mmCIF file of all heavy atoms, coordinates in Angstrom:
data_MODEL
# 
_entry.id   MODEL 
# 
loop_
_atom_site.group_PDB 
_atom_site.id 
_atom_site.type_symbol 
_atom_site.label_atom_id 
_atom_site.label_alt_id 
_atom_site.label_comp_id 
_atom_site.label_asym_id 
_atom_site.label_entity_id 
_atom_site.label_seq_id 
_atom_site.pdbx_PDB_ins_code 
_atom_site.Cartn_x 
_atom_site.Cartn_y 
_atom_site.Cartn_z 
_atom_site.occupancy 
_atom_site.B_iso_or_equiv 
_atom_site.pdbx_formal_charge 
_atom_site.auth_seq_id 
_atom_site.auth_comp_id 
_atom_site.auth_asym_id 
_atom_site.auth_atom_id 
_atom_site.pdbx_PDB_model_num 
ATOM 1   N N   . VAL A 1 1  ? -55.872 -2.670  -10.999 1.00 0.00 ? 1  VAL A N   1 
ATOM 2   C CA  . VAL A 1 1  ? -55.460 -1.943  -9.804  1.00 0.00 ? 1  VAL A CA  1 
ATOM 3   C C   . VAL A 1 1  ? -56.173 -2.560  -8.605  1.00 0.00 ? 1  VAL A C   1 
ATOM 4   O O   . VAL A 1 1  ? -57.405 -2.592  -8.553  1.00 0.00 ? 1  VAL A O   1 
ATOM 5   C CB  . VAL A 1 1  ? -55.808 -0.446  -9.924  1.00 0.00 ? 1  VAL A CB  1 
ATOM 6   C CG1 . VAL A 1 1  ? -55.381 0.294   -8.650  1.00 0.00 ? 1  VAL A CG1 1 
ATOM 7   C CG2 . VAL A 1 1  ? -55.127 0.164   -11.143 1.00 0.00 ? 1  VAL A CG2 1 
ATOM 8   N N   . LEU A 1 2  ? -55.393 -3.042  -7.641  1.00 0.00 ? 2  LEU A N   1 
ATOM 9   C CA  . LEU A 1 2  ? -55.940 -3.801  -6.520  1.00 0.00 ? 2  LEU A CA  1 
ATOM 10  C C   . LEU A 1 2  ? -55.530 -3.158  -5.202  1.00 0.00 ? 2  LEU A C   1 
ATOM 11  O O   . LEU A 1 2  ? -54.337 -2.996  -4.934  1.00 0.00 ? 2  LEU A O   1 
ATOM 12  C CB  . LEU A 1 2  ? -55.424 -5.244  -6.560  1.00 0.00 ? 2  LEU A CB  1 
ATOM 13  C CG  . LEU A 1 2  ? -55.555 -5.987  -7.897  1.00 0.00 ? 2  LEU A CG  1 
ATOM 14  C CD1 . LEU A 1 2  ? -54.799 -7.312  -7.839  1.00 0.00 ? 2  LEU A CD1 1 
ATOM 15  C CD2 . LEU A 1 2  ? -57.014 -6.231  -8.232  1.00 0.00 ? 2  LEU A CD2 1 
ATOM 16  N N   . ASP A 1 3  ? -56.504 -2.788  -4.389  1.00 0.00 ? 3  ASP A N   1 
ATOM 17  C CA  . ASP A 1 3  ? -56.235 -2.174  -3.091  1.00 0.00 ? 3  ASP A CA  1 
ATOM 18  C C   . ASP A 1 3  ? -56.526 -3.204  -2.004  1.00 0.00 ? 3  ASP A C   1 
ATOM 19  O O   . ASP A 1 3  ? -57.676 -3.560  -1.769  1.00 0.00 ? 3  ASP A O   1 
ATOM 20  C CB  . ASP A 1 3  ? -57.120 -0.937  -2.916  1.00 0.00 ? 3  ASP A CB  1 
ATOM 21  C CG  . ASP A 1 3  ? -56.733 -0.098  -1.707  1.00 0.00 ? 3  ASP A CG  1 
ATOM 22  O OD1 . ASP A 1 3  ? -55.653 -0.354  -1.138  1.00 0.00 ? 3  ASP A OD1 1 
ATOM 23  O OD2 . ASP A 1 3  ? -57.502 0.792   -1.333  1.00 0.00 ? 3  ASP A OD2 1 
ATOM 24  N N   . GLU A 1 4  ? -55.474 -3.711  -1.364  1.00 0.00 ? 4  GLU A N   1 
ATOM 25  C CA  . GLU A 1 4  ? -55.599 -4.761  -0.340  1.00 0.00 ? 4  GLU A CA  1 
ATOM 26  C C   . GLU A 1 4  ? -56.452 -5.927  -0.859  1.00 0.00 ? 4  GLU A C   1 
ATOM 27  O O   . GLU A 1 4  ? -57.465 -6.290  -0.265  1.00 0.00 ? 4  GLU A O   1 
ATOM 28  C CB  . GLU A 1 4  ? -56.206 -4.188  0.943   1.00 0.00 ? 4  GLU A CB  1 
ATOM 29  C CG  . GLU A 1 4  ? -55.391 -3.092  1.588   1.00 0.00 ? 4  GLU A CG  1 
ATOM 30  C CD  . GLU A 1 4  ? -54.091 -3.594  2.192   1.00 0.00 ? 4  GLU A CD  1 
ATOM 31  O OE1 . GLU A 1 4  ? -53.951 -4.806  2.409   1.00 0.00 ? 4  GLU A OE1 1 
ATOM 32  O OE2 . GLU A 1 4  ? -53.201 -2.754  2.430   1.00 0.00 ? 4  GLU A OE2 1 
ATOM 33  N N   . PRO A 1 5  ? -56.051 -6.556  -1.964  1.00 0.00 ? 5  PRO A N   1 
ATOM 34  C CA  . PRO A 1 5  ? -56.921 -7.527  -2.626  1.00 0.00 ? 5  PRO A CA  1 
ATOM 35  C C   . PRO A 1 5  ? -57.218 -8.799  -1.847  1.00 0.00 ? 5  PRO A C   1 
ATOM 36  O O   . PRO A 1 5  ? -58.273 -9.403  -2.029  1.00 0.00 ? 5  PRO A O   1 
ATOM 37  C CB  . PRO A 1 5  ? -56.160 -7.856  -3.921  1.00 0.00 ? 5  PRO A CB  1 
ATOM 38  C CG  . PRO A 1 5  ? -54.731 -7.577  -3.587  1.00 0.00 ? 5  PRO A CG  1 
ATOM 39  C CD  . PRO A 1 5  ? -54.772 -6.386  -2.674  1.00 0.00 ? 5  PRO A CD  1 
ATOM 40  N N   . THR A 1 6  ? -56.294 -9.231  -0.971  1.00 0.00 ? 6  THR A N   1 
ATOM 41  C CA  . THR A 1 6  ? -56.502 -10.510 -0.292  1.00 0.00 ? 6  THR A CA  1 
ATOM 42  C C   . THR A 1 6  ? -56.956 -10.349 1.154   1.00 0.00 ? 6  THR A C   1 
ATOM 43  O O   . THR A 1 6  ? -56.945 -11.308 1.917   1.00 0.00 ? 6  THR A O   1 
ATOM 44  C CB  . THR A 1 6  ? -55.223 -11.361 -0.333  1.00 0.00 ? 6  THR A CB  1 
ATOM 45  O OG1 . THR A 1 6  ? -54.155 -10.637 0.279   1.00 0.00 ? 6  THR A OG1 1 
ATOM 46  C CG2 . THR A 1 6  ? -54.841 -11.703 -1.765  1.00 0.00 ? 6  THR A CG2 1 
ATOM 47  N N   . ALA A 1 7  ? -57.343 -9.135  1.535   1.00 0.00 ? 7  ALA A N   1 
ATOM 48  C CA  . ALA A 1 7  ? -57.901 -8.937  2.875   1.00 0.00 ? 7  ALA A CA  1 
ATOM 49  C C   . ALA A 1 7  ? -59.123 -9.825  3.036   1.00 0.00 ? 7  ALA A C   1 
ATOM 50  O O   . ALA A 1 7  ? -59.956 -9.935  2.143   1.00 0.00 ? 7  ALA A O   1 
ATOM 51  C CB  . ALA A 1 7  ? -58.285 -7.473  3.070   1.00 0.00 ? 7  ALA A CB  1 
ATOM 52  N N   . ALA A 1 8  ? -59.231 -10.493 4.174   1.00 0.00 ? 8  ALA A N   1 
ATOM 53  C CA  . ALA A 1 8  ? -60.339 -11.384 4.528   1.00 0.00 ? 8  ALA A CA  1 
ATOM 54  C C   . ALA A 1 8  ? -60.290 -12.731 3.812   1.00 0.00 ? 8  ALA A C   1 
ATOM 55  O O   . ALA A 1 8  ? -61.159 -13.568 4.023   1.00 0.00 ? 8  ALA A O   1 
ATOM 56  C CB  . ALA A 1 8  ? -61.700 -10.717 4.265   1.00 0.00 ? 8  ALA A CB  1 
ATOM 57  N N   . MET A 1 9  ? -59.269 -12.971 2.986   1.00 0.00 ? 9  MET A N   1 
ATOM 58  C CA  . MET A 1 9  ? -59.137 -14.279 2.342   1.00 0.00 ? 9  MET A CA  1 
ATOM 59  C C   . MET A 1 9  ? -58.321 -15.209 3.231   1.00 0.00 ? 9  MET A C   1 
ATOM 60  O O   . MET A 1 9  ? -57.361 -14.774 3.872   1.00 0.00 ? 9  MET A O   1 
ATOM 61  C CB  . MET A 1 9  ? -58.447 -14.150 0.980   1.00 0.00 ? 9  MET A CB  1 
ATOM 62  C CG  . MET A 1 9  ? -59.251 -13.458 -0.084  1.00 0.00 ? 9  MET A CG  1 
ATOM 63  S SD  . MET A 1 9  ? -58.375 -13.516 -1.684  1.00 0.00 ? 9  MET A SD  1 
ATOM 64  C CE  . MET A 1 9  ? -59.456 -12.500 -2.690  1.00 0.00 ? 9  MET A CE  1 
ATOM 65  N N   . ASP A 1 10 ? -58.681 -16.494 3.234   1.00 0.00 ? 10 ASP A N   1 
ATOM 66  C CA  . ASP A 1 10 ? -57.870 -17.458 3.975   1.00 0.00 ? 10 ASP A CA  1 
ATOM 67  C C   . ASP A 1 10 ? -56.630 -17.816 3.156   1.00 0.00 ? 10 ASP A C   1 
ATOM 68  O O   . ASP A 1 10 ? -56.478 -17.403 2.000   1.00 0.00 ? 10 ASP A O   1 
ATOM 69  C CB  . ASP A 1 10 ? -58.689 -18.693 4.342   1.00 0.00 ? 10 ASP A CB  1 
ATOM 70  C CG  . ASP A 1 10 ? -59.261 -19.422 3.128   1.00 0.00 ? 10 ASP A CG  1 
ATOM 71  O OD1 . ASP A 1 10 ? -58.598 -19.446 2.058   1.00 0.00 ? 10 ASP A OD1 1 
ATOM 72  O OD2 . ASP A 1 10 ? -60.381 -19.961 3.229   1.00 0.00 ? 10 ASP A OD2 1 
ATOM 73  N N   . VAL A 1 11 ? -55.738 -18.585 3.748   1.00 0.00 ? 11 VAL A N   1 
ATOM 74  C CA  . VAL A 1 11 ? -54.443 -18.865 3.122   1.00 0.00 ? 11 VAL A CA  1 
ATOM 75  C C   . VAL A 1 11 ? -54.615 -19.569 1.783   1.00 0.00 ? 11 VAL A C   1 
ATOM 76  O O   . VAL A 1 11 ? -53.970 -19.211 0.792   1.00 0.00 ? 11 VAL A O   1 
ATOM 77  C CB  . VAL A 1 11 ? -53.568 -19.715 4.065   1.00 0.00 ? 11 VAL A CB  1 
ATOM 78  C CG1 . VAL A 1 11 ? -52.295 -20.146 3.357   1.00 0.00 ? 11 VAL A CG1 1 
ATOM 79  C CG2 . VAL A 1 11 ? -53.234 -18.940 5.331   1.00 0.00 ? 11 VAL A CG2 1 
ATOM 80  N N   . GLU A 1 12 ? -55.486 -20.557 1.724   1.00 0.00 ? 12 GLU A N   1 
ATOM 81  C CA  . GLU A 1 12 ? -55.675 -21.313 0.493   1.00 0.00 ? 12 GLU A CA  1 
ATOM 82  C C   . GLU A 1 12 ? -56.237 -20.434 -0.619  1.00 0.00 ? 12 GLU A C   1 
ATOM 83  O O   . GLU A 1 12 ? -55.815 -20.510 -1.771  1.00 0.00 ? 12 GLU A O   1 
ATOM 84  C CB  . GLU A 1 12 ? -56.601 -22.505 0.744   1.00 0.00 ? 12 GLU A CB  1 
ATOM 85  C CG  . GLU A 1 12 ? -56.776 -23.405 -0.462  1.00 0.00 ? 12 GLU A CG  1 
ATOM 86  C CD  . GLU A 1 12 ? -57.632 -24.627 -0.162  1.00 0.00 ? 12 GLU A CD  1 
ATOM 87  O OE1 . GLU A 1 12 ? -57.970 -24.838 1.020   1.00 0.00 ? 12 GLU A OE1 1 
ATOM 88  O OE2 . GLU A 1 12 ? -57.960 -25.355 -1.105  1.00 0.00 ? 12 GLU A OE2 1 
ATOM 89  N N   . THR A 1 13 ? -57.204 -19.579 -0.271  1.00 0.00 ? 13 THR A N   1 
ATOM 90  C CA  . THR A 1 13 ? -57.805 -18.699 -1.261  1.00 0.00 ? 13 THR A CA  1 
ATOM 91  C C   . THR A 1 13 ? -56.805 -17.665 -1.746  1.00 0.00 ? 13 THR A C   1 
ATOM 92  O O   . THR A 1 13 ? -56.759 -17.322 -2.936  1.00 0.00 ? 13 THR A O   1 
ATOM 93  C CB  . THR A 1 13 ? -59.046 -17.994 -0.685  1.00 0.00 ? 13 THR A CB  1 
ATOM 94  O OG1 . THR A 1 13 ? -59.964 -18.984 -0.202  1.00 0.00 ? 13 THR A OG1 1 
ATOM 95  C CG2 . THR A 1 13 ? -59.746 -17.162 -1.742  1.00 0.00 ? 13 THR A CG2 1 
ATOM 96  N N   . ARG A 1 14 ? -55.966 -17.159 -0.841  1.00 0.00 ? 14 ARG A N   1 
ATOM 97  C CA  . ARG A 1 14 ? -54.929 -16.211 -1.244  1.00 0.00 ? 14 ARG A CA  1 
ATOM 98  C C   . ARG A 1 14 ? -53.968 -16.854 -2.226  1.00 0.00 ? 14 ARG A C   1 
ATOM 99  O O   . ARG A 1 14 ? -53.565 -16.232 -3.226  1.00 0.00 ? 14 ARG A O   1 
ATOM 100 C CB  . ARG A 1 14 ? -54.158 -15.717 -0.008  1.00 0.00 ? 14 ARG A CB  1 
ATOM 101 C CG  . ARG A 1 14 ? -54.907 -14.723 0.841   1.00 0.00 ? 14 ARG A CG  1 
ATOM 102 C CD  . ARG A 1 14 ? -54.208 -14.474 2.159   1.00 0.00 ? 14 ARG A CD  1 
ATOM 103 N NE  . ARG A 1 14 ? -52.879 -13.919 1.998   1.00 0.00 ? 14 ARG A NE  1 
ATOM 104 C CZ  . ARG A 1 14 ? -52.004 -13.784 2.991   1.00 0.00 ? 14 ARG A CZ  1 
ATOM 105 N NH1 . ARG A 1 14 ? -52.314 -14.191 4.210   1.00 0.00 ? 14 ARG A NH1 1 
ATOM 106 N NH2 . ARG A 1 14 ? -50.822 -13.251 2.778   1.00 0.00 ? 14 ARG A NH2 1 
ATOM 107 N N   . ARG A 1 15 ? -53.604 -18.095 -1.977  1.00 0.00 ? 15 ARG A N   1 
ATOM 108 C CA  . ARG A 1 15 ? -52.694 -18.792 -2.886  1.00 0.00 ? 15 ARG A CA  1 
ATOM 109 C C   . ARG A 1 15 ? -53.331 -18.942 -4.267  1.00 0.00 ? 15 ARG A C   1 
ATOM 110 O O   . ARG A 1 15 ? -52.692 -18.709 -5.303  1.00 0.00 ? 15 ARG A O   1 
ATOM 111 C CB  . ARG A 1 15 ? -52.323 -20.158 -2.314  1.00 0.00 ? 15 ARG A CB  1 
ATOM 112 C CG  . ARG A 1 15 ? -51.278 -20.890 -3.135  1.00 0.00 ? 15 ARG A CG  1 
ATOM 113 C CD  . ARG A 1 15 ? -50.945 -22.239 -2.538  1.00 0.00 ? 15 ARG A CD  1 
ATOM 114 N NE  . ARG A 1 15 ? -50.312 -22.106 -1.231  1.00 0.00 ? 15 ARG A NE  1 
ATOM 115 C CZ  . ARG A 1 15 ? -50.853 -22.521 -0.101  1.00 0.00 ? 15 ARG A CZ  1 
ATOM 116 N NH1 . ARG A 1 15 ? -52.052 -23.094 -0.096  1.00 0.00 ? 15 ARG A NH1 1 
ATOM 117 N NH2 . ARG A 1 15 ? -50.215 -22.378 1.034   1.00 0.00 ? 15 ARG A NH2 1 
ATOM 118 N N   . GLY A 1 16 ? -54.605 -19.310 -4.286  1.00 0.00 ? 16 GLY A N   1 
ATOM 119 C CA  . GLY A 1 16 ? -55.318 -19.438 -5.553  1.00 0.00 ? 16 GLY A CA  1 
ATOM 120 C C   . GLY A 1 16 ? -55.452 -18.109 -6.274  1.00 0.00 ? 16 GLY A C   1 
ATOM 121 O O   . GLY A 1 16 ? -55.369 -18.033 -7.504  1.00 0.00 ? 16 GLY A O   1 
ATOM 122 N N   . PHE A 1 17 ? -55.664 -17.046 -5.498  1.00 0.00 ? 17 PHE A N   1 
ATOM 123 C CA  . PHE A 1 17 ? -55.782 -15.716 -6.079  1.00 0.00 ? 17 PHE A CA  1 
ATOM 124 C C   . PHE A 1 17 ? -54.516 -15.337 -6.835  1.00 0.00 ? 17 PHE A C   1 
ATOM 125 O O   . PHE A 1 17 ? -54.561 -14.911 -7.999  1.00 0.00 ? 17 PHE A O   1 
ATOM 126 C CB  . PHE A 1 17 ? -56.063 -14.703 -4.961  1.00 0.00 ? 17 PHE A CB  1 
ATOM 127 C CG  . PHE A 1 17 ? -55.955 -13.267 -5.400  1.00 0.00 ? 17 PHE A CG  1 
ATOM 128 C CD1 . PHE A 1 17 ? -57.049 -12.624 -5.956  1.00 0.00 ? 17 PHE A CD1 1 
ATOM 129 C CD2 . PHE A 1 17 ? -54.768 -12.565 -5.252  1.00 0.00 ? 17 PHE A CD2 1 
ATOM 130 C CE1 . PHE A 1 17 ? -56.951 -11.304 -6.364  1.00 0.00 ? 17 PHE A CE1 1 
ATOM 131 C CE2 . PHE A 1 17 ? -54.670 -11.245 -5.650  1.00 0.00 ? 17 PHE A CE2 1 
ATOM 132 C CZ  . PHE A 1 17 ? -55.763 -10.608 -6.214  1.00 0.00 ? 17 PHE A CZ  1 
ATOM 133 N N   . TRP A 1 18 ? -53.353 -15.504 -6.191  1.00 0.00 ? 18 TRP A N   1 
ATOM 134 C CA  . TRP A 1 18 ? -52.114 -15.087 -6.841  1.00 0.00 ? 18 TRP A CA  1 
ATOM 135 C C   . TRP A 1 18 ? -51.729 -16.007 -7.982  1.00 0.00 ? 18 TRP A C   1 
ATOM 136 O O   . TRP A 1 18 ? -51.084 -15.568 -8.953  1.00 0.00 ? 18 TRP A O   1 
ATOM 137 C CB  . TRP A 1 18 ? -50.992 -14.963 -5.811  1.00 0.00 ? 18 TRP A CB  1 
ATOM 138 C CG  . TRP A 1 18 ? -51.157 -13.735 -4.974  1.00 0.00 ? 18 TRP A CG  1 
ATOM 139 C CD1 . TRP A 1 18 ? -51.430 -13.658 -3.641  1.00 0.00 ? 18 TRP A CD1 1 
ATOM 140 C CD2 . TRP A 1 18 ? -51.105 -12.378 -5.434  1.00 0.00 ? 18 TRP A CD2 1 
ATOM 141 N NE1 . TRP A 1 18 ? -51.555 -12.351 -3.245  1.00 0.00 ? 18 TRP A NE1 1 
ATOM 142 C CE2 . TRP A 1 18 ? -51.360 -11.542 -4.315  1.00 0.00 ? 18 TRP A CE2 1 
ATOM 143 C CE3 . TRP A 1 18 ? -50.876 -11.795 -6.680  1.00 0.00 ? 18 TRP A CE3 1 
ATOM 144 C CZ2 . TRP A 1 18 ? -51.378 -10.151 -4.424  1.00 0.00 ? 18 TRP A CZ2 1 
ATOM 145 C CZ3 . TRP A 1 18 ? -50.889 -10.400 -6.780  1.00 0.00 ? 18 TRP A CZ3 1 
ATOM 146 C CH2 . TRP A 1 18 ? -51.144 -9.612  -5.661  1.00 0.00 ? 18 TRP A CH2 1 
ATOM 147 N N   . HIS A 1 19 ? -52.139 -17.248 -7.914  1.00 0.00 ? 19 HIS A N   1 
ATOM 148 C CA  . HIS A 1 19 ? -51.931 -18.140 -9.058  1.00 0.00 ? 19 HIS A CA  1 
ATOM 149 C C   . HIS A 1 19 ? -52.721 -17.625 -10.261 1.00 0.00 ? 19 HIS A C   1 
ATOM 150 O O   . HIS A 1 19 ? -52.220 -17.617 -11.391 1.00 0.00 ? 19 HIS A O   1 
ATOM 151 C CB  . HIS A 1 19 ? -52.361 -19.565 -8.705  1.00 0.00 ? 19 HIS A CB  1 
ATOM 152 C CG  . HIS A 1 19 ? -52.208 -20.535 -9.840  1.00 0.00 ? 19 HIS A CG  1 
ATOM 153 N ND1 . HIS A 1 19 ? -50.986 -20.977 -10.286 1.00 0.00 ? 19 HIS A ND1 1 
ATOM 154 C CD2 . HIS A 1 19 ? -53.141 -21.138 -10.642 1.00 0.00 ? 19 HIS A CD2 1 
ATOM 155 C CE1 . HIS A 1 19 ? -51.153 -21.804 -11.291 1.00 0.00 ? 19 HIS A CE1 1 
ATOM 156 N NE2 . HIS A 1 19 ? -52.445 -21.925 -11.534 1.00 0.00 ? 19 HIS A NE2 1 
ATOM 157 N N   . ALA A 1 20 ? -53.939 -17.177 -10.023 1.00 0.00 ? 20 ALA A N   1 
ATOM 158 C CA  . ALA A 1 20 ? -54.751 -16.611 -11.098 1.00 0.00 ? 20 ALA A CA  1 
ATOM 159 C C   . ALA A 1 20 ? -54.120 -15.341 -11.650 1.00 0.00 ? 20 ALA A C   1 
ATOM 160 O O   . ALA A 1 20 ? -54.149 -15.088 -12.859 1.00 0.00 ? 20 ALA A O   1 
ATOM 161 C CB  . ALA A 1 20 ? -56.166 -16.327 -10.598 1.00 0.00 ? 20 ALA A CB  1 
ATOM 162 N N   . MET A 1 21 ? -53.528 -14.534 -10.776 1.00 0.00 ? 21 MET A N   1 
ATOM 163 C CA  . MET A 1 21 ? -52.898 -13.292 -11.226 1.00 0.00 ? 21 MET A CA  1 
ATOM 164 C C   . MET A 1 21 ? -51.664 -13.565 -12.087 1.00 0.00 ? 21 MET A C   1 
ATOM 165 O O   . MET A 1 21 ? -51.339 -12.790 -12.985 1.00 0.00 ? 21 MET A O   1 
ATOM 166 C CB  . MET A 1 21 ? -52.524 -12.427 -10.024 1.00 0.00 ? 21 MET A CB  1 
ATOM 167 C CG  . MET A 1 21 ? -53.729 -11.861 -9.268  1.00 0.00 ? 21 MET A CG  1 
ATOM 168 S SD  . MET A 1 21 ? -54.846 -10.844 -10.289 1.00 0.00 ? 21 MET A SD  1 
ATOM 169 C CE  . MET A 1 21 ? -56.087 -12.075 -10.761 1.00 0.00 ? 21 MET A CE  1 
ATOM 170 N N   . GLU A 1 22 ? -50.980 -14.677 -11.843 1.00 0.00 ? 22 GLU A N   1 
ATOM 171 C CA  . GLU A 1 22 ? -49.854 -15.051 -12.696 1.00 0.00 ? 22 GLU A CA  1 
ATOM 172 C C   . GLU A 1 22 ? -50.338 -15.265 -14.127 1.00 0.00 ? 22 GLU A C   1 
ATOM 173 O O   . GLU A 1 22 ? -49.694 -14.828 -15.087 1.00 0.00 ? 22 GLU A O   1 
ATOM 174 C CB  . GLU A 1 22 ? -49.185 -16.318 -12.171 1.00 0.00 ? 22 GLU A CB  1 
ATOM 175 C CG  . GLU A 1 22 ? -48.378 -16.127 -10.901 1.00 0.00 ? 22 GLU A CG  1 
ATOM 176 C CD  . GLU A 1 22 ? -47.783 -17.426 -10.405 1.00 0.00 ? 22 GLU A CD  1 
ATOM 177 O OE1 . GLU A 1 22 ? -47.881 -18.443 -11.141 1.00 0.00 ? 22 GLU A OE1 1 
ATOM 178 O OE2 . GLU A 1 22 ? -47.239 -17.448 -9.299  1.00 0.00 ? 22 GLU A OE2 1 
ATOM 179 N N   . GLY A 1 23 ? -51.468 -15.920 -14.264 1.00 0.00 ? 23 GLY A N   1 
ATOM 180 C CA  . GLY A 1 23 ? -52.048 -16.121 -15.595 1.00 0.00 ? 23 GLY A CA  1 
ATOM 181 C C   . GLY A 1 23 ? -52.428 -14.805 -16.245 1.00 0.00 ? 23 GLY A C   1 
ATOM 182 O O   . GLY A 1 23 ? -52.318 -14.634 -17.463 1.00 0.00 ? 23 GLY A O   1 
ATOM 183 N N   . PHE A 1 24 ? -52.865 -13.846 -15.448 1.00 0.00 ? 24 PHE A N   1 
ATOM 184 C CA  . PHE A 1 24 ? -53.263 -12.540 -15.956 1.00 0.00 ? 24 PHE A CA  1 
ATOM 185 C C   . PHE A 1 24 ? -52.059 -11.806 -16.557 1.00 0.00 ? 24 PHE A C   1 
ATOM 186 O O   . PHE A 1 24 ? -52.123 -11.280 -17.668 1.00 0.00 ? 24 PHE A O   1 
ATOM 187 C CB  . PHE A 1 24 ? -53.876 -11.730 -14.808 1.00 0.00 ? 24 PHE A CB  1 
ATOM 188 C CG  . PHE A 1 24 ? -54.488 -10.421 -15.212 1.00 0.00 ? 24 PHE A CG  1 
ATOM 189 C CD1 . PHE A 1 24 ? -55.747 -10.365 -15.767 1.00 0.00 ? 24 PHE A CD1 1 
ATOM 190 C CD2 . PHE A 1 24 ? -53.802 -9.236  -15.015 1.00 0.00 ? 24 PHE A CD2 1 
ATOM 191 C CE1 . PHE A 1 24 ? -56.316 -9.157  -16.135 1.00 0.00 ? 24 PHE A CE1 1 
ATOM 192 C CE2 . PHE A 1 24 ? -54.350 -8.020  -15.369 1.00 0.00 ? 24 PHE A CE2 1 
ATOM 193 C CZ  . PHE A 1 24 ? -55.614 -7.979  -15.941 1.00 0.00 ? 24 PHE A CZ  1 
ATOM 194 N N   . THR A 1 25 ? -50.929 -11.789 -15.839 1.00 0.00 ? 25 THR A N   1 
ATOM 195 C CA  . THR A 1 25 ? -49.747 -11.083 -16.345 1.00 0.00 ? 25 THR A CA  1 
ATOM 196 C C   . THR A 1 25 ? -49.081 -11.842 -17.494 1.00 0.00 ? 25 THR A C   1 
ATOM 197 O O   . THR A 1 25 ? -48.423 -11.224 -18.334 1.00 0.00 ? 25 THR A O   1 
ATOM 198 C CB  . THR A 1 25 ? -48.726 -10.856 -15.222 1.00 0.00 ? 25 THR A CB  1 
ATOM 199 O OG1 . THR A 1 25 ? -48.417 -12.100 -14.578 1.00 0.00 ? 25 THR A OG1 1 
ATOM 200 C CG2 . THR A 1 25 ? -49.278 -9.888  -14.194 1.00 0.00 ? 25 THR A CG2 1 
ATOM 201 N N   . GLU A 1 26 ? -49.234 -13.146 -17.545 1.00 0.00 ? 26 GLU A N   1 
ATOM 202 C CA  . GLU A 1 26 ? -48.672 -13.908 -18.655 1.00 0.00 ? 26 GLU A CA  1 
ATOM 203 C C   . GLU A 1 26 ? -49.301 -13.515 -19.989 1.00 0.00 ? 26 GLU A C   1 
ATOM 204 O O   . GLU A 1 26 ? -48.719 -13.738 -21.047 1.00 0.00 ? 26 GLU A O   1 
ATOM 205 C CB  . GLU A 1 26 ? -48.859 -15.410 -18.410 1.00 0.00 ? 26 GLU A CB  1 
ATOM 206 C CG  . GLU A 1 26 ? -47.888 -15.969 -17.366 1.00 0.00 ? 26 GLU A CG  1 
ATOM 207 C CD  . GLU A 1 26 ? -48.212 -17.402 -16.985 1.00 0.00 ? 26 GLU A CD  1 
ATOM 208 O OE1 . GLU A 1 26 ? -49.210 -17.950 -17.523 1.00 0.00 ? 26 GLU A OE1 1 
ATOM 209 O OE2 . GLU A 1 26 ? -47.479 -17.976 -16.161 1.00 0.00 ? 26 GLU A OE2 1 
# 
């Protein structure tokens, strides 16, 4: 459960974050 998870992250870090989340749901 994530509440505003990418707040304060820059664009590159946000992209990396969601890439990691894809692995989580897989």
